[in-house]
N, C-alpha and C. Protein backbone atom coordinates (compact mmCIF):
# COMPACT_ATOMS: atom_id res chain seq x y z
N MET A 1 108.40 90.48 102.28
CA MET A 1 107.47 91.95 102.50
C MET A 1 106.76 91.85 104.01
N PRO A 2 106.77 90.65 104.77
CA PRO A 2 106.05 90.77 106.08
C PRO A 2 107.18 91.64 107.21
N ILE A 3 108.37 91.72 106.62
CA ILE A 3 109.35 92.06 107.36
C ILE A 3 109.16 93.83 107.48
N LEU A 4 108.61 94.42 106.35
CA LEU A 4 108.42 95.96 106.20
C LEU A 4 106.93 96.07 107.18
N ASP A 5 106.05 94.89 106.99
CA ASP A 5 104.76 95.18 107.89
C ASP A 5 105.20 95.20 109.25
N LYS A 6 106.15 94.12 109.76
CA LYS A 6 106.42 94.24 111.13
C LYS A 6 107.07 95.38 111.68
N ALA A 7 107.76 96.08 110.96
CA ALA A 7 108.73 97.20 111.15
C ALA A 7 107.48 98.53 111.27
N ALA A 8 106.52 98.50 110.32
CA ALA A 8 105.71 99.66 110.59
C ALA A 8 104.91 99.33 111.77
N LYS A 9 104.38 98.31 112.32
CA LYS A 9 103.89 98.09 113.68
C LYS A 9 104.83 98.25 114.74
N LEU A 10 106.04 98.11 114.58
CA LEU A 10 107.04 98.32 115.90
C LEU A 10 107.03 99.90 115.92
N VAL A 11 107.16 100.48 114.81
CA VAL A 11 107.41 101.86 114.89
C VAL A 11 106.21 102.90 115.38
N THR A 12 104.72 102.27 114.82
CA THR A 12 103.65 102.96 115.31
C THR A 12 103.12 102.34 116.48
N ASN A 13 103.54 101.35 116.91
CA ASN A 13 103.20 100.93 118.48
C ASN A 13 103.68 101.93 119.21
N ARG A 14 104.91 102.44 119.32
CA ARG A 14 105.33 103.47 120.41
C ARG A 14 104.61 104.96 120.23
N MET A 15 104.16 105.16 119.10
CA MET A 15 103.79 106.62 118.99
C MET A 15 102.18 106.75 119.56
N PRO A 16 102.18 108.02 119.62
CA PRO A 16 100.50 108.40 120.51
C PRO A 16 99.36 107.85 119.38
N LYS A 17 98.39 107.25 119.82
CA LYS A 17 97.23 107.00 118.95
C LYS A 17 96.57 108.18 118.79
N VAL A 18 96.52 108.61 117.23
CA VAL A 18 95.88 109.73 117.05
C VAL A 18 94.67 109.40 115.95
N ILE A 19 94.52 108.30 115.79
CA ILE A 19 93.22 107.83 114.76
C ILE A 19 92.08 107.65 115.67
N SER A 20 90.97 108.45 115.51
CA SER A 20 89.86 107.85 116.06
C SER A 20 89.05 106.79 115.44
N PRO A 21 87.82 106.12 116.07
CA PRO A 21 87.51 104.96 115.72
C PRO A 21 86.42 105.54 114.16
N ARG A 22 86.05 106.81 114.41
CA ARG A 22 85.25 107.39 113.36
C ARG A 22 86.36 107.49 111.82
N THR A 23 87.18 108.33 112.17
CA THR A 23 88.51 108.32 111.09
C THR A 23 89.05 106.83 110.62
N HIS A 24 89.33 106.00 111.56
CA HIS A 24 89.61 104.68 111.09
C HIS A 24 88.58 104.08 110.29
N ALA A 25 87.17 104.12 110.43
CA ALA A 25 86.17 103.74 109.59
C ALA A 25 86.21 104.22 108.17
N ILE A 26 86.46 105.55 108.17
CA ILE A 26 86.50 106.32 106.82
C ILE A 26 87.89 105.62 106.04
N ILE A 27 89.12 105.55 106.76
CA ILE A 27 89.98 105.33 106.09
C ILE A 27 89.79 103.66 105.91
N ASP A 28 89.15 102.76 106.71
CA ASP A 28 88.98 101.33 106.15
C ASP A 28 88.27 101.43 105.01
N TYR A 29 87.18 102.06 104.65
CA TYR A 29 86.28 101.89 103.63
C TYR A 29 86.89 102.54 102.34
N ALA A 30 87.85 103.42 102.42
CA ALA A 30 88.76 104.07 101.35
C ALA A 30 89.54 103.04 100.89
N MET A 31 90.41 102.27 102.15
CA MET A 31 91.06 101.39 101.54
C MET A 31 90.57 100.34 100.74
N ALA A 32 89.53 99.76 101.10
CA ALA A 32 88.59 98.93 100.52
C ALA A 32 88.21 99.15 99.10
N ALA A 33 87.67 100.65 98.97
CA ALA A 33 87.46 101.20 97.64
C ALA A 33 88.66 101.14 96.58
N SER A 34 89.62 101.55 97.45
CA SER A 34 90.96 101.52 96.30
C SER A 34 91.50 100.01 95.93
N PHE A 35 91.28 99.21 96.75
CA PHE A 35 91.54 97.61 96.55
C PHE A 35 90.52 97.22 95.31
N PHE A 36 89.17 97.47 95.34
CA PHE A 36 88.37 97.13 94.34
C PHE A 36 88.65 97.81 92.99
N GLY A 37 88.81 99.05 93.03
CA GLY A 37 89.42 100.09 92.09
C GLY A 37 90.51 99.37 91.17
N MET A 38 91.63 99.06 91.93
CA MET A 38 92.70 98.53 91.45
C MET A 38 92.40 97.07 90.96
N ALA A 39 91.41 96.28 91.64
CA ALA A 39 91.09 95.30 90.88
C ALA A 39 90.70 95.33 89.68
N ALA A 40 89.81 96.13 89.50
CA ALA A 40 89.05 96.39 88.02
C ALA A 40 90.38 96.93 86.91
N PHE A 41 91.23 97.59 87.45
CA PHE A 41 92.40 98.09 86.78
C PHE A 41 93.31 96.80 86.41
N PHE A 42 93.66 96.06 87.38
CA PHE A 42 94.55 94.96 87.08
C PHE A 42 93.81 93.83 86.42
N TRP A 43 92.35 93.69 86.31
CA TRP A 43 91.66 92.53 85.73
C TRP A 43 92.49 91.96 84.17
N ARG A 44 92.56 92.89 83.38
CA ARG A 44 93.12 92.40 81.94
C ARG A 44 94.64 92.22 82.03
N ARG A 45 95.41 92.88 82.80
CA ARG A 45 96.77 92.51 82.96
C ARG A 45 97.31 91.81 83.67
N ASN A 46 96.75 91.58 85.09
CA ASN A 46 97.20 90.56 85.90
C ASN A 46 96.10 89.89 86.98
N LYS A 47 95.57 88.81 86.37
CA LYS A 47 94.61 88.31 87.21
C LYS A 47 94.72 87.82 88.63
N ARG A 48 95.94 87.52 88.85
CA ARG A 48 96.51 86.87 90.07
C ARG A 48 96.45 88.31 91.20
N ALA A 49 96.99 89.19 90.47
CA ALA A 49 96.76 90.39 91.46
C ALA A 49 95.62 91.21 91.71
N ALA A 50 94.70 91.01 90.33
CA ALA A 50 93.25 91.54 90.87
C ALA A 50 92.55 90.66 91.67
N VAL A 51 92.90 89.32 91.79
CA VAL A 51 92.26 88.51 92.60
C VAL A 51 92.87 88.91 94.23
N SER A 52 93.91 89.05 94.37
CA SER A 52 94.42 89.46 95.32
C SER A 52 93.64 91.01 95.92
N ALA A 53 93.63 91.67 95.22
CA ALA A 53 92.98 93.09 95.30
C ALA A 53 91.57 92.92 95.82
N LEU A 54 90.80 92.05 95.08
CA LEU A 54 89.69 91.71 95.32
C LEU A 54 89.58 91.03 96.90
N LEU A 55 90.35 90.15 97.01
CA LEU A 55 90.44 89.36 98.43
C LEU A 55 90.44 90.24 99.39
N CYS A 56 91.39 91.19 99.22
CA CYS A 56 91.80 92.14 100.51
C CYS A 56 90.67 93.25 100.56
N GLY A 57 90.20 93.68 99.38
CA GLY A 57 89.03 94.60 99.47
C GLY A 57 87.64 94.03 100.09
N ALA A 58 87.29 93.02 99.73
CA ALA A 58 86.40 91.94 100.38
C ALA A 58 86.36 91.85 101.83
N ALA A 59 87.61 91.51 102.55
CA ALA A 59 87.88 91.13 103.82
C ALA A 59 87.69 92.65 104.41
N GLY A 60 88.35 93.62 103.81
CA GLY A 60 88.46 94.77 104.70
C GLY A 60 86.88 95.36 104.74
N THR A 61 85.95 95.08 103.39
CA THR A 61 84.57 95.64 103.72
C THR A 61 83.73 94.83 104.74
N ILE A 62 84.11 93.33 104.64
CA ILE A 62 83.18 92.74 105.50
C ILE A 62 83.42 92.72 107.03
N THR A 63 85.03 93.08 107.41
CA THR A 63 85.25 93.57 108.60
C THR A 63 84.83 94.85 109.07
N SER A 64 84.75 95.86 108.12
CA SER A 64 84.36 97.18 108.55
C SER A 64 82.66 97.11 108.77
N LEU A 65 82.03 96.53 107.83
CA LEU A 65 80.48 96.45 108.10
C LEU A 65 80.17 95.57 109.33
N CYS A 66 80.95 94.62 109.94
CA CYS A 66 80.57 94.01 111.16
C CYS A 66 81.01 94.65 112.54
N THR A 67 81.86 95.73 112.35
CA THR A 67 82.64 96.20 113.48
C THR A 67 81.52 97.17 114.09
N ASP A 68 81.50 97.26 115.54
CA ASP A 68 81.05 98.08 116.35
C ASP A 68 81.72 99.45 116.65
N TYR A 69 81.69 100.43 115.35
CA TYR A 69 82.24 101.70 115.41
C TYR A 69 81.59 102.41 114.56
N PRO A 70 81.51 103.60 114.37
CA PRO A 70 80.88 104.47 113.38
C PRO A 70 81.04 104.07 111.91
N GLY A 71 80.31 103.53 111.26
CA GLY A 71 80.26 102.99 109.78
C GLY A 71 80.00 101.76 109.78
N GLY A 72 79.71 100.94 110.95
CA GLY A 72 79.49 99.56 111.15
C GLY A 72 78.13 99.38 111.03
N VAL A 73 77.71 98.08 110.47
CA VAL A 73 76.40 98.05 110.17
C VAL A 73 75.69 96.89 111.02
N VAL A 74 76.42 95.87 111.11
CA VAL A 74 75.98 94.65 112.01
C VAL A 74 76.31 94.54 113.25
N ARG A 75 77.59 95.15 113.65
CA ARG A 75 78.11 95.49 114.80
C ARG A 75 78.28 94.18 115.70
N GLU A 76 79.06 93.11 114.96
CA GLU A 76 79.13 92.02 115.59
C GLU A 76 80.49 91.72 115.90
N ILE A 77 81.56 92.65 115.71
CA ILE A 77 82.88 92.64 116.17
C ILE A 77 83.46 93.80 116.93
N SER A 78 84.02 93.56 118.14
CA SER A 78 84.34 94.47 118.74
C SER A 78 85.45 95.59 118.10
N PHE A 79 85.66 97.11 118.17
CA PHE A 79 86.62 97.80 117.53
C PHE A 79 87.85 97.01 118.25
N LYS A 80 88.13 96.67 119.39
CA LYS A 80 89.72 95.90 119.60
C LYS A 80 89.77 94.69 118.88
N THR A 81 88.69 93.81 118.56
CA THR A 81 89.09 92.67 117.71
C THR A 81 89.27 93.02 116.29
N HIS A 82 88.65 94.13 115.73
CA HIS A 82 88.70 94.63 114.73
C HIS A 82 90.45 95.09 114.28
N GLY A 83 90.97 95.70 115.48
CA GLY A 83 92.13 95.93 115.24
C GLY A 83 93.10 94.62 115.08
N THR A 84 92.94 93.56 115.71
CA THR A 84 93.64 92.53 115.63
C THR A 84 93.36 92.08 114.16
N ILE A 85 92.38 91.86 113.65
CA ILE A 85 91.74 91.48 112.24
C ILE A 85 92.69 92.46 111.45
N ASP A 86 92.91 93.79 111.59
CA ASP A 86 93.46 94.63 110.67
C ASP A 86 94.91 94.22 110.65
N PHE A 87 95.54 93.95 111.97
CA PHE A 87 96.90 93.44 111.54
C PHE A 87 97.11 92.10 110.80
N ALA A 88 96.21 91.32 110.79
CA ALA A 88 96.15 90.00 110.13
C ALA A 88 96.08 90.20 108.67
N LEU A 89 95.27 91.40 108.32
CA LEU A 89 94.95 91.66 107.01
C LEU A 89 96.13 92.40 106.43
N SER A 90 96.76 93.12 107.19
CA SER A 90 97.88 93.63 106.72
C SER A 90 98.95 92.58 106.36
N GLY A 91 99.43 91.84 107.23
CA GLY A 91 100.25 90.72 106.79
C GLY A 91 99.94 89.80 105.61
N LEU A 92 98.76 89.54 105.56
CA LEU A 92 97.92 88.97 104.47
C LEU A 92 98.54 89.71 103.17
N ALA A 93 97.76 91.05 103.23
CA ALA A 93 98.03 91.68 101.87
C ALA A 93 99.57 91.85 101.68
N ALA A 94 100.53 92.13 102.48
CA ALA A 94 102.02 92.11 102.13
C ALA A 94 102.49 90.71 101.70
N SER A 95 101.84 89.69 102.00
CA SER A 95 102.24 88.17 101.51
C SER A 95 101.61 87.79 100.36
N LEU A 96 100.56 88.29 99.87
CA LEU A 96 99.85 87.78 98.72
C LEU A 96 100.66 87.86 97.68
N PRO A 97 101.52 88.56 97.20
CA PRO A 97 102.17 88.53 95.76
C PRO A 97 103.17 87.45 96.11
N GLY A 98 103.72 87.16 97.18
CA GLY A 98 104.55 85.99 97.15
C GLY A 98 103.85 84.57 96.97
N MET A 99 102.64 84.63 97.83
CA MET A 99 102.01 83.34 97.68
C MET A 99 101.42 83.15 96.29
N LEU A 100 100.85 84.29 95.46
CA LEU A 100 100.12 83.93 94.24
C LEU A 100 101.27 84.12 93.09
N ARG A 101 102.46 84.30 93.60
CA ARG A 101 103.64 84.23 92.54
C ARG A 101 103.63 85.57 91.59
N PHE A 102 103.33 86.70 91.85
CA PHE A 102 103.41 87.62 91.24
C PHE A 102 104.13 88.74 91.78
N ASN A 103 105.08 88.05 92.72
CA ASN A 103 106.25 89.04 93.51
C ASN A 103 107.18 90.02 92.48
N ASP A 104 107.62 89.57 91.37
CA ASP A 104 108.45 90.45 90.77
C ASP A 104 107.67 91.34 89.58
N GLU A 105 106.03 91.22 89.67
CA GLU A 105 105.73 91.99 88.70
C GLU A 105 105.03 93.50 89.26
N PRO A 106 105.02 94.60 88.68
CA PRO A 106 104.69 95.87 89.12
C PRO A 106 103.43 96.16 90.01
N GLU A 107 102.42 95.24 89.93
CA GLU A 107 101.23 95.17 90.60
C GLU A 107 101.49 94.63 91.92
N ALA A 108 102.46 94.08 92.18
CA ALA A 108 102.83 93.36 93.54
C ALA A 108 102.99 94.85 94.56
N ARG A 109 103.59 95.69 93.87
CA ARG A 109 103.93 97.06 94.76
C ARG A 109 102.75 97.61 95.19
N PHE A 110 101.75 97.92 94.64
CA PHE A 110 100.47 98.34 95.26
C PHE A 110 99.70 97.32 96.40
N ILE A 111 99.92 96.07 96.24
CA ILE A 111 99.20 94.91 97.30
C ILE A 111 100.28 95.35 98.49
N ARG A 112 101.60 95.21 98.35
CA ARG A 112 102.44 95.27 99.46
C ARG A 112 102.45 96.68 100.31
N ALA A 113 102.06 97.66 99.50
CA ALA A 113 102.02 98.91 99.71
C ALA A 113 100.81 99.35 100.42
N GLN A 114 99.68 98.76 100.32
CA GLN A 114 98.31 98.72 101.13
C GLN A 114 98.52 98.04 102.17
N GLY A 115 99.14 96.80 102.24
CA GLY A 115 99.40 96.04 103.44
C GLY A 115 100.09 96.73 104.38
N ILE A 116 101.14 97.31 103.93
CA ILE A 116 101.84 98.38 104.95
C ILE A 116 101.17 99.41 105.45
N ALA A 117 100.44 99.88 104.65
CA ALA A 117 99.31 101.33 105.14
C ALA A 117 98.38 100.69 105.98
N ILE A 118 97.66 99.43 105.81
CA ILE A 118 97.01 99.11 106.82
C ILE A 118 97.65 98.79 108.24
N GLY A 119 98.18 98.24 108.28
CA GLY A 119 99.31 98.03 109.43
C GLY A 119 99.78 99.44 110.04
N ALA A 120 100.20 100.36 109.42
CA ALA A 120 100.21 101.80 109.71
C ALA A 120 99.21 102.54 110.38
N VAL A 121 98.16 102.34 109.84
CA VAL A 121 96.96 102.97 110.24
C VAL A 121 96.42 102.32 111.52
N ALA A 122 96.33 100.85 111.58
CA ALA A 122 96.17 100.07 112.73
C ALA A 122 96.94 100.47 114.01
N GLY A 123 98.03 100.52 113.43
CA GLY A 123 99.30 101.06 114.83
C GLY A 123 98.94 102.52 115.21
N LEU A 124 98.62 103.35 114.56
CA LEU A 124 97.94 104.64 114.69
C LEU A 124 96.69 104.93 115.28
N THR A 125 95.76 103.78 115.29
CA THR A 125 94.66 103.85 115.97
C THR A 125 94.46 103.81 117.62
N ASP A 126 93.48 104.58 117.83
CA ASP A 126 93.32 104.47 119.41
C ASP A 126 92.24 103.41 119.68
N PHE A 127 92.59 102.42 119.80
CA PHE A 127 91.88 101.17 120.12
C PHE A 127 90.80 101.15 121.55
N THR A 128 91.70 101.59 122.36
CA THR A 128 91.36 101.47 123.93
C THR A 128 90.94 102.92 124.26
N GLY A 129 90.70 103.81 123.66
CA GLY A 129 90.55 105.08 124.14
C GLY A 129 91.16 105.92 125.05
N THR A 130 92.54 105.40 125.13
CA THR A 130 93.38 106.23 126.18
C THR A 130 94.29 107.14 125.21
N GLY A 131 94.63 106.66 124.19
CA GLY A 131 95.47 107.68 123.54
C GLY A 131 96.79 107.17 123.61
N GLU A 132 97.07 106.11 124.64
CA GLU A 132 98.45 105.87 124.72
C GLU A 132 99.20 105.14 123.75
N GLY A 133 100.49 104.73 123.84
CA GLY A 133 101.14 103.97 123.05
C GLY A 133 101.17 102.54 123.52
N ASN A 134 101.65 101.32 122.75
CA ASN A 134 101.90 100.15 123.15
C ASN A 134 100.29 99.46 123.32
N GLN A 135 99.40 99.88 122.49
CA GLN A 135 98.20 99.01 122.39
C GLN A 135 98.08 97.69 121.86
N ILE A 136 99.27 97.48 120.75
CA ILE A 136 99.03 96.17 120.29
C ILE A 136 99.37 94.81 121.14
N LYS A 137 100.51 95.25 122.10
CA LYS A 137 100.30 93.84 123.04
C LYS A 137 98.77 93.48 123.93
N GLU A 138 98.03 94.60 124.19
CA GLU A 138 96.80 94.52 124.71
C GLU A 138 95.89 93.84 123.64
N LEU A 139 96.06 94.30 122.51
CA LEU A 139 95.06 93.78 121.50
C LEU A 139 95.40 92.38 121.39
N ASP A 140 96.76 91.82 121.54
CA ASP A 140 97.24 90.58 121.06
C ASP A 140 96.55 89.70 122.22
N LYS A 141 96.90 90.52 123.53
CA LYS A 141 96.38 89.46 124.49
C LYS A 141 94.89 89.19 124.80
N GLN A 142 94.20 90.20 123.97
CA GLN A 142 92.69 89.83 124.06
C GLN A 142 92.46 89.00 123.30
N ALA A 143 93.11 88.79 122.06
CA ALA A 143 92.50 87.95 121.12
C ALA A 143 93.23 86.57 121.01
N SER A 144 94.05 86.39 122.04
CA SER A 144 94.07 84.96 122.23
C SER A 144 93.59 84.44 123.47
């Protein structure tokens, strides 16, 4: 599944960046809420899927709360670093069904789809303020 995640990054990297920091914050909190909601829904049927959703929801919420953007509270993480974390979270979410061995179960589709969506949103976000494409390479350079 990380192959689909990488494909989403490659496609969105070349596109113009249309998501502002404020919109990105709203999407981040909505994604975290959907992870938490689905964790509650999965709890009785599939504990591994529920734990995966809780983990991703918590990671998304903590990252958002600590980011220096509209909606951030602590402002310890720069918005560019947030972008790098989003790409990592995207890969993690897409990989969790395989790691926790619920790959063939229906709940895995939600977790994977969310991982791809996180990657797509990050790929379409204007982290540098220029609106230009190919920002992923710049984010990777700053992260290393």
